[in-house]
Amino acid sequence: MCSATPNRNTHHTGQTPIRVGLVDNDDCVLQWLRMALRSHGINVVWAEKNSGNAIQRTLFGMDIPQVVVTDIVLDLISGVRLCEEIRRHNSTIGIIGITSYTTKHYEKALARAGAQGLLDKNHTIIADLIKAIPLAAHGLPIDQNGPFLDAQTAHRFVSPSSAGTIGKLSAAETAILRLYDRHYSTQEVADLLDMNPRTVSTHISRAMRKLGAKDRYEALRICSRYQLLN
C-alpha cells in the first residue's frame, strides 16, 4: 500500500473531477489513498482521521465532497454511524465503506445506514474505488445486485422527517409482498389470499407508492434491506 501509478484519465461528473472526502484511523492509509486516487484524476478535497470532523466537513464545510469513502472502524463513532449521520441530513452525497474485516459482517448495517456500497481493503481496493466512485457520485449503489439503495431512497428511510411515514405497509400489502418474495405469481397470491388479481395489483401499487419503488421487485429489495416484512 505504498505506491500509486499516475494515470492520465480523469474521473468526473460533468466537466470537473469528482470531489472525494476520505475517513480512516490510519495516517499512512489516508496518505496512500489520497495519492492513489489523485493520480487517477479524482479530487480528494480532504482526508480525516477524526469522524466528528469528517461529518462537519461533509455537511457544512467549504469543500463538500460528492463522495465520502470511510473506513468502518473509526475513533469516536463507527463508519456505520458516520454514514447514518450524513445520510440523515443529505440525500445526494454518495457514501462508500471500506474495511479490512469481512464485508458481510457490516453489509446489512451499512446498507440500512444509507451507504451506496462496501469494499474490501485488499490489493484491488484502488481499482475497485475507481470503478465505484463515479457511481456513488451520482448517488447510485455500486453493485445493483447488492443490498444497497440509491442515496435519495436511503435518505427517505433514514431522515427523521420520514419517521412513521415510510414503510408503514398495511396487513394486506405485507402479506402480498411476503408471497411475492416467495416467488408466487399474482394469480397464486390471489388464490392464497382469496382476492381478485386486480385487488392484489391495487395493494401492490399502493405499497410501491409508500416505498417509493418503481416496480414490485424494487419494493421487495427495499423491504429486505429495511426488514419491513419481518
C-alpha atoms as a PDB file:
ATOM      1  CA  MET A   1       0.000   0.000   0.000  1.00  0.00           C
ATOM      2  CA  CYS A   2       2.836   2.396  -0.642  1.00  0.00           C
ATOM      3  CA  SER A   3       2.869   3.241  -4.328  1.00  0.00           C
ATOM      4  CA  ALA A   4       0.472   4.842  -6.763  1.00  0.00           C
ATOM      5  CA  THR A   5       0.858   4.755 -10.514  1.00  0.00           C
ATOM      6  CA  PRO A   6      -0.017   8.023 -12.269  1.00  0.00           C
ATOM      7  CA  ASN A   7      -2.910   7.833 -14.680  1.00  0.00           C
ATOM      8  CA  ARG A   8      -3.949  10.499 -17.152  1.00  0.00           C
ATOM      9  CA  ASN A   9      -7.630   9.521 -17.013  1.00  0.00           C
ATOM     10  CA  THR A  10      -9.837  11.960 -15.105  1.00  0.00           C
ATOM     11  CA  HIS A  11     -12.931  10.636 -13.342  1.00  0.00           C
ATOM     12  CA  HIS A  12     -15.525  13.362 -13.235  1.00  0.00           C
ATOM     13  CA  THR A  13     -19.191  14.262 -13.181  1.00  0.00           C
ATOM     14  CA  GLY A  14     -19.729  16.843 -15.906  1.00  0.00           C
ATOM     15  CA  GLN A  15     -16.506  18.766 -16.565  1.00  0.00           C
ATOM     16  CA  THR A  16     -14.842  18.726 -13.138  1.00  0.00           C
ATOM     17  CA  PRO A  17     -13.105  15.909 -11.228  1.00  0.00           C
ATOM     18  CA  ILE A  18     -15.192  14.122  -8.625  1.00  0.00           C
ATOM     19  CA  ARG A  19     -14.709  15.552  -5.125  1.00  0.00           C
ATOM     20  CA  VAL A  20     -13.983  12.881  -2.521  1.00  0.00           C
ATOM     21  CA  GLY A  21     -13.543  13.010   1.250  1.00  0.00           C
ATOM     22  CA  LEU A  22     -11.588  10.243   2.989  1.00  0.00           C
ATOM     23  CA  VAL A  23     -12.038   8.976   6.556  1.00  0.00           C
ATOM     24  CA  ASP A  24      -9.657   6.466   8.157  1.00  0.00           C
ATOM     25  CA  ASN A  25      -7.927   5.962  11.508  1.00  0.00           C
ATOM     26  CA  ASP A  26      -4.555   5.279   9.904  1.00  0.00           C
ATOM     27  CA  ASP A  27      -2.453   8.213   8.674  1.00  0.00           C
ATOM     28  CA  CYS A  28      -0.480   6.004   6.307  1.00  0.00           C
ATOM     29  CA  VAL A  29      -3.641   4.625   4.742  1.00  0.00           C
ATOM     30  CA  LEU A  30      -5.092   8.120   4.359  1.00  0.00           C
ATOM     31  CA  GLN A  31      -1.964   9.400   2.622  1.00  0.00           C
ATOM     32  CA  TRP A  32      -1.777   6.368   0.368  1.00  0.00           C
ATOM     33  CA  LEU A  33      -5.438   6.571  -0.609  1.00  0.00           C
ATOM     34  CA  ARG A  34      -5.159  10.303  -1.271  1.00  0.00           C
ATOM     35  CA  MET A  35      -2.115   9.895  -3.529  1.00  0.00           C
ATOM     36  CA  ALA A  36      -3.530   6.898  -5.383  1.00  0.00           C
ATOM     37  CA  LEU A  37      -6.923   8.463  -6.059  1.00  0.00           C
ATOM     38  CA  ARG A  38      -5.436  11.803  -7.081  1.00  0.00           C
ATOM     39  CA  SER A  39      -3.134  10.014  -9.514  1.00  0.00           C
ATOM     40  CA  HIS A  40      -6.291   8.725 -11.205  1.00  0.00           C
ATOM     41  CA  GLY A  41      -7.762  12.215 -11.587  1.00  0.00           C
ATOM     42  CA  ILE A  42     -10.010  12.209  -8.519  1.00  0.00           C
ATOM     43  CA  ASN A  43     -10.080  15.390  -6.435  1.00  0.00           C
ATOM     44  CA  VAL A  44      -9.535  14.363  -2.815  1.00  0.00           C
ATOM     45  CA  VAL A  45     -10.737  17.531  -1.077  1.00  0.00           C
ATOM     46  CA  TRP A  46      -9.854  16.384   2.432  1.00  0.00           C
ATOM     47  CA  ALA A  47      -8.704  13.362   4.459  1.00  0.00           C
ATOM     48  CA  GLU A  48      -9.741  12.980   8.116  1.00  0.00           C
ATOM     49  CA  LYS A  49      -8.881  10.671  10.987  1.00  0.00           C
ATOM     50  CA  ASN A  50     -11.499  12.249  13.253  1.00  0.00           C
ATOM     51  CA  SER A  51     -15.018  11.037  12.459  1.00  0.00           C
ATOM     52  CA  GLY A  52     -16.652  14.084  14.059  1.00  0.00           C
ATOM     53  CA  ASN A  53     -14.607  16.431  11.892  1.00  0.00           C
ATOM     54  CA  ALA A  54     -15.467  14.316   8.857  1.00  0.00           C
ATOM     55  CA  ILE A  55     -19.210  14.746   9.463  1.00  0.00           C
ATOM     56  CA  GLN A  56     -18.829  18.520   9.884  1.00  0.00           C
ATOM     57  CA  ARG A  57     -16.724  18.852   6.733  1.00  0.00           C
ATOM     58  CA  THR A  58     -19.130  16.671   4.753  1.00  0.00           C
ATOM     59  CA  LEU A  59     -22.264  18.565   5.698  1.00  0.00           C
ATOM     60  CA  PHE A  60     -21.080  22.092   6.466  1.00  0.00           C
ATOM     61  CA  GLY A  61     -17.526  22.523   5.183  1.00  0.00           C
ATOM     62  CA  MET A  62     -16.150  24.714   2.425  1.00  0.00           C
ATOM     63  CA  ASP A  63     -15.179  21.689   0.301  1.00  0.00           C
ATOM     64  CA  ILE A  64     -18.239  19.435   0.459  1.00  0.00           C
ATOM     65  CA  PRO A  65     -17.454  16.135  -1.263  1.00  0.00           C
ATOM     66  CA  GLN A  66     -19.642  14.320  -3.759  1.00  0.00           C
ATOM     67  CA  VAL A  67     -18.474  11.003  -2.290  1.00  0.00           C
ATOM     68  CA  VAL A  68     -17.268  10.045   1.178  1.00  0.00           C
ATOM     69  CA  VAL A  69     -15.055   6.962   1.453  1.00  0.00           C
ATOM     70  CA  THR A  70     -14.936   5.819   5.059  1.00  0.00           C
ATOM     71  CA  ASP A  71     -13.356   3.007   7.000  1.00  0.00           C
ATOM     72  CA  ILE A  72     -15.785   1.105   9.207  1.00  0.00           C
ATOM     73  CA  VAL A  73     -13.655   1.062  12.367  1.00  0.00           C
ATOM     74  CA  LEU A  74     -13.015   4.685  13.424  1.00  0.00           C
ATOM     75  CA  ASP A  75     -12.146   6.597  16.578  1.00  0.00           C
ATOM     76  CA  LEU A  76     -15.238   8.258  18.073  1.00  0.00           C
ATOM     77  CA  ILE A  77     -18.046   6.557  16.200  1.00  0.00           C
ATOM     78  CA  SER A  78     -18.167   3.702  13.702  1.00  0.00           C
ATOM     79  CA  GLY A  79     -18.252   4.183   9.950  1.00  0.00           C
ATOM     80  CA  VAL A  80     -21.812   2.852  10.034  1.00  0.00           C
ATOM     81  CA  ARG A  81     -22.866   5.615  12.444  1.00  0.00           C
ATOM     82  CA  LEU A  82     -20.955   8.234  10.430  1.00  0.00           C
ATOM     83  CA  CYS A  83     -22.785   7.091   7.308  1.00  0.00           C
ATOM     84  CA  GLU A  84     -26.157   7.303   9.059  1.00  0.00           C
ATOM     85  CA  GLU A  85     -25.450  10.832  10.304  1.00  0.00           C
ATOM     86  CA  ILE A  86     -24.546  12.009   6.810  1.00  0.00           C
ATOM     87  CA  ARG A  87     -27.469  10.279   5.145  1.00  0.00           C
ATOM     88  CA  ARG A  88     -29.916  11.578   7.759  1.00  0.00           C
ATOM     89  CA  HIS A  89     -29.176  15.142   6.598  1.00  0.00           C
ATOM     90  CA  ASN A  90     -28.199  14.671   2.951  1.00  0.00           C
ATOM     91  CA  SER A  91     -29.816  12.859   0.026  1.00  0.00           C
ATOM     92  CA  THR A  92     -27.144  13.282  -2.656  1.00  0.00           C
ATOM     93  CA  ILE A  93     -23.652  12.598  -1.305  1.00  0.00           C
ATOM     94  CA  GLY A  94     -22.513   9.082  -2.146  1.00  0.00           C
ATOM     95  CA  ILE A  95     -21.006   7.006   0.662  1.00  0.00           C
ATOM     96  CA  ILE A  96     -18.678   4.032   0.236  1.00  0.00           C
ATOM     97  CA  GLY A  97     -17.495   1.955   3.187  1.00  0.00           C
ATOM     98  CA  ILE A  98     -14.141   0.178   3.191  1.00  0.00           C
ATOM     99  CA  THR A  99     -12.935  -2.419   5.662  1.00  0.00           C
ATOM    100  CA  SER A 100     -10.121  -4.866   6.348  1.00  0.00           C
ATOM    101  CA  TYR A 101     -12.632  -7.179   8.019  1.00  0.00           C
ATOM    102  CA  THR A 102     -15.178  -9.478   6.387  1.00  0.00           C
ATOM    103  CA  THR A 103     -17.535  -7.256   4.393  1.00  0.00           C
ATOM    104  CA  LYS A 104     -20.550  -9.498   5.060  1.00  0.00           C
ATOM    105  CA  HIS A 105     -20.260  -8.645   8.753  1.00  0.00           C
ATOM    106  CA  TYR A 106     -21.064  -4.956   8.102  1.00  0.00           C
ATOM    107  CA  GLU A 107     -23.002  -5.063   4.838  1.00  0.00           C
ATOM    108  CA  LYS A 108     -26.580  -5.042   6.157  1.00  0.00           C
ATOM    109  CA  ALA A 109     -25.932  -2.413   8.813  1.00  0.00           C
ATOM    110  CA  LEU A 110     -24.161  -0.124   6.343  1.00  0.00           C
ATOM    111  CA  ALA A 111     -26.951  -0.552   3.790  1.00  0.00           C
ATOM    112  CA  ARG A 112     -29.560   0.391   6.416  1.00  0.00           C
ATOM    113  CA  ALA A 113     -27.427   3.417   7.325  1.00  0.00           C
ATOM    114  CA  GLY A 114     -27.733   4.686   3.749  1.00  0.00           C
ATOM    115  CA  ALA A 115     -24.402   3.893   2.087  1.00  0.00           C
ATOM    116  CA  GLN A 116     -24.059   3.006  -1.589  1.00  0.00           C
ATOM    117  CA  GLY A 117     -21.591   0.173  -1.147  1.00  0.00           C
ATOM    118  CA  LEU A 118     -18.889  -1.583   0.858  1.00  0.00           C
ATOM    119  CA  LEU A 119     -15.462  -2.634  -0.421  1.00  0.00           C
ATOM    120  CA  ASP A 120     -12.768  -4.922   0.916  1.00  0.00           C
ATOM    121  CA  LYS A 121      -9.442  -3.227   1.727  1.00  0.00           C
ATOM    122  CA  ASN A 122      -7.450  -5.740  -0.268  1.00  0.00           C
ATOM    123  CA  HIS A 123      -4.896  -5.380  -3.073  1.00  0.00           C
ATOM    124  CA  THR A 124      -7.613  -4.313  -5.557  1.00  0.00           C
ATOM    125  CA  ILE A 125      -9.083  -1.529  -3.413  1.00  0.00           C
ATOM    126  CA  ILE A 126      -7.863   1.331  -5.621  1.00  0.00           C
ATOM    127  CA  ALA A 127      -9.157  -0.293  -8.808  1.00  0.00           C
ATOM    128  CA  ASP A 128     -12.437  -1.042  -7.043  1.00  0.00           C
ATOM    129  CA  LEU A 129     -12.757   2.550  -5.813  1.00  0.00           C
ATOM    130  CA  ILE A 130     -12.003   3.954  -9.267  1.00  0.00           C
ATOM    131  CA  LYS A 131     -14.993   1.985 -10.587  1.00  0.00           C
ATOM    132  CA  ALA A 132     -17.246   2.687  -7.608  1.00  0.00           C
ATOM    133  CA  ILE A 133     -16.705   6.416  -7.051  1.00  0.00           C
ATOM    134  CA  PRO A 134     -18.380   7.647 -10.290  1.00  0.00           C
ATOM    135  CA  LEU A 135     -21.488   5.588  -9.474  1.00  0.00           C
ATOM    136  CA  ALA A 136     -21.612   6.825  -5.881  1.00  0.00           C
ATOM    137  CA  ALA A 137     -21.105  10.415  -7.093  1.00  0.00           C
ATOM    138  CA  HIS A 138     -24.456  10.073  -8.851  1.00  0.00           C
ATOM    139  CA  GLY A 139     -25.989   8.591  -5.688  1.00  0.00           C
ATOM    140  CA  LEU A 140     -26.171   5.117  -7.204  1.00  0.00           C
ATOM    141  CA  PRO A 141     -25.384   1.802  -5.476  1.00  0.00           C
ATOM    142  CA  ILE A 142     -22.031   0.471  -6.640  1.00  0.00           C
ATOM    143  CA  ASP A 143     -23.477  -3.024  -7.084  1.00  0.00           C
ATOM    144  CA  GLN A 144     -27.015  -3.273  -8.441  1.00  0.00           C
ATOM    145  CA  ASN A 145     -27.328  -6.819  -7.067  1.00  0.00           C
ATOM    146  CA  GLY A 146     -26.196  -5.950  -3.555  1.00  0.00           C
ATOM    147  CA  PRO A 147     -28.203  -4.793  -0.530  1.00  0.00           C
ATOM    148  CA  PHE A 148     -27.534  -1.070  -1.030  1.00  0.00           C
ATOM    149  CA  LEU A 149     -30.013   1.609  -2.105  1.00  0.00           C
ATOM    150  CA  ASP A 150     -29.502   4.825  -4.055  1.00  0.00           C
ATOM    151  CA  ALA A 151     -28.796   7.881  -1.903  1.00  0.00           C
ATOM    152  CA  GLN A 152     -32.187   9.559  -2.319  1.00  0.00           C
ATOM    153  CA  THR A 153     -34.194   6.447  -1.456  1.00  0.00           C
ATOM    154  CA  ALA A 154     -31.946   5.699   1.520  1.00  0.00           C
ATOM    155  CA  HIS A 155     -32.339   9.276   2.773  1.00  0.00           C
ATOM    156  CA  ARG A 156     -36.118   8.868   2.880  1.00  0.00           C
ATOM    157  CA  PHE A 157     -35.722   5.916   5.227  1.00  0.00           C
ATOM    158  CA  VAL A 158     -33.014   7.400   7.442  1.00  0.00           C
ATOM    159  CA  SER A 159     -34.276  11.006   7.643  1.00  0.00           C
ATOM    160  CA  PRO A 160     -36.105  11.889  10.897  1.00  0.00           C
ATOM    161  CA  SER A 161     -38.759  13.717   8.847  1.00  0.00           C
ATOM    162  CA  SER A 162     -39.660  10.390   7.259  1.00  0.00           C
ATOM    163  CA  ALA A 163     -40.083   8.545  10.546  1.00  0.00           C
ATOM    164  CA  GLY A 164     -43.529   6.992  10.794  1.00  0.00           C
ATOM    165  CA  THR A 165     -44.401   7.619   7.132  1.00  0.00           C
ATOM    166  CA  ILE A 166     -42.105   5.335   5.161  1.00  0.00           C
ATOM    167  CA  GLY A 167     -42.612   1.618   5.153  1.00  0.00           C
ATOM    168  CA  LYS A 168     -45.944   1.628   7.007  1.00  0.00           C
ATOM    169  CA  LEU A 169     -47.452  -1.169   4.971  1.00  0.00           C
ATOM    170  CA  SER A 170     -50.947  -2.461   5.591  1.00  0.00           C
ATOM    171  CA  ALA A 171     -51.508  -6.077   6.639  1.00  0.00           C
ATOM    172  CA  ALA A 172     -52.720  -6.944   3.132  1.00  0.00           C
ATOM    173  CA  GLU A 173     -49.746  -5.237   1.459  1.00  0.00           C
ATOM    174  CA  THR A 174     -47.340  -7.036   3.771  1.00  0.00           C
ATOM    175  CA  ALA A 175     -48.981 -10.423   3.177  1.00  0.00           C
ATOM    176  CA  ILE A 176     -48.887  -9.945  -0.595  1.00  0.00           C
ATOM    177  CA  LEU A 177     -45.248  -8.830  -0.609  1.00  0.00           C
ATOM    178  CA  ARG A 178     -44.284 -11.824   1.525  1.00  0.00           C
ATOM    179  CA  LEU A 179     -45.844 -14.169  -1.030  1.00  0.00           C
ATOM    180  CA  TYR A 180     -44.188 -12.348  -3.931  1.00  0.00           C
ATOM    181  CA  ASP A 181     -40.929 -12.677  -2.024  1.00  0.00           C
ATOM    182  CA  ARG A 182     -41.503 -16.436  -2.061  1.00  0.00           C
ATOM    183  CA  HIS A 183     -41.858 -16.245  -5.864  1.00  0.00           C
ATOM    184  CA  TYR A 184     -45.621 -16.801  -6.117  1.00  0.00           C
ATOM    185  CA  SER A 185     -47.331 -15.409  -9.205  1.00  0.00           C
ATOM    186  CA  THR A 186     -50.089 -12.787  -8.964  1.00  0.00           C
ATOM    187  CA  GLN A 187     -52.751 -15.410  -9.637  1.00  0.00           C
ATOM    188  CA  GLU A 188     -51.291 -17.702  -6.975  1.00  0.00           C
ATOM    189  CA  VAL A 189     -51.178 -14.808  -4.477  1.00  0.00           C
ATOM    190  CA  ALA A 190     -54.826 -14.015  -5.274  1.00  0.00           C
ATOM    191  CA  ASP A 191     -55.874 -17.631  -4.782  1.00  0.00           C
ATOM    192  CA  LEU A 192     -53.982 -17.989  -1.494  1.00  0.00           C
ATOM    193  CA  LEU A 193     -55.428 -14.775  -0.047  1.00  0.00           C
ATOM    194  CA  ASP A 194     -58.875 -15.226  -1.579  1.00  0.00           C
ATOM    195  CA  MET A 195     -58.598 -11.994  -3.570  1.00  0.00           C
ATOM    196  CA  ASN A 196     -59.231 -10.885  -7.109  1.00  0.00           C
ATOM    197  CA  PRO A 197     -55.914 -10.467  -9.020  1.00  0.00           C
ATOM    198  CA  ARG A 198     -56.880  -6.833  -9.634  1.00  0.00           C
ATOM    199  CA  THR A 199     -57.155  -6.291  -5.890  1.00  0.00           C
ATOM    200  CA  VAL A 200     -53.691  -7.791  -5.452  1.00  0.00           C
ATOM    201  CA  SER A 201     -52.349  -5.374  -8.078  1.00  0.00           C
ATOM    202  CA  THR A 202     -54.043  -2.440  -6.335  1.00  0.00           C
ATOM    203  CA  HIS A 203     -52.429  -3.341  -2.994  1.00  0.00           C
ATOM    204  CA  ILE A 204     -49.019  -3.706  -4.653  1.00  0.00           C
ATOM    205  CA  SER A 205     -49.379  -0.316  -6.372  1.00  0.00           C
ATOM    206  CA  ARG A 206     -50.127   1.290  -3.008  1.00  0.00           C
ATOM    207  CA  ALA A 207     -47.146  -0.454  -1.400  1.00  0.00           C
ATOM    208  CA  MET A 208     -44.882   0.723  -4.213  1.00  0.00           C
ATOM    209  CA  ARG A 209     -46.006   4.321  -3.731  1.00  0.00           C
ATOM    210  CA  LYS A 210     -45.344   4.105   0.022  1.00  0.00           C
ATOM    211  CA  LEU A 211     -41.889   2.687  -0.554  1.00  0.00           C
ATOM    212  CA  GLY A 212     -41.012   4.910  -3.497  1.00  0.00           C
ATOM    213  CA  ALA A 213     -40.343   1.825  -5.629  1.00  0.00           C
ATOM    214  CA  LYS A 214     -40.643   1.791  -9.403  1.00  0.00           C
ATOM    215  CA  ASP A 215     -41.800  -1.845  -9.500  1.00  0.00           C
ATOM    216  CA  ARG A 216     -42.549  -4.704  -7.150  1.00  0.00           C
ATOM    217  CA  TYR A 217     -39.017  -6.094  -7.459  1.00  0.00           C
ATOM    218  CA  GLU A 218     -37.543  -2.861  -6.126  1.00  0.00           C
ATOM    219  CA  ALA A 219     -40.232  -2.848  -3.432  1.00  0.00           C
ATOM    220  CA  LEU A 220     -39.057  -6.308  -2.354  1.00  0.00           C
ATOM    221  CA  ARG A 221     -35.413  -5.171  -2.291  1.00  0.00           C
ATOM    222  CA  ILE A 222     -36.344  -2.203  -0.091  1.00  0.00           C
ATOM    223  CA  CYS A 223     -38.347  -4.442   2.232  1.00  0.00           C
ATOM    224  CA  SER A 224     -35.413  -6.826   2.505  1.00  0.00           C
ATOM    225  CA  ARG A 225     -32.860  -4.096   3.210  1.00  0.00           C
ATOM    226  CA  TYR A 226     -35.003  -2.485   5.911  1.00  0.00           C
ATOM    227  CA  GLN A 227     -36.527  -5.707   7.259  1.00  0.00           C
ATOM    228  CA  LEU A 228     -40.086  -4.487   6.636  1.00  0.00           C
ATOM    229  CA  LEU A 229     -41.536  -7.966   6.150  1.00  0.00           C
ATOM    230  CA  ASN A 230     -40.203  -9.496   9.379  1.00  0.00           C
END
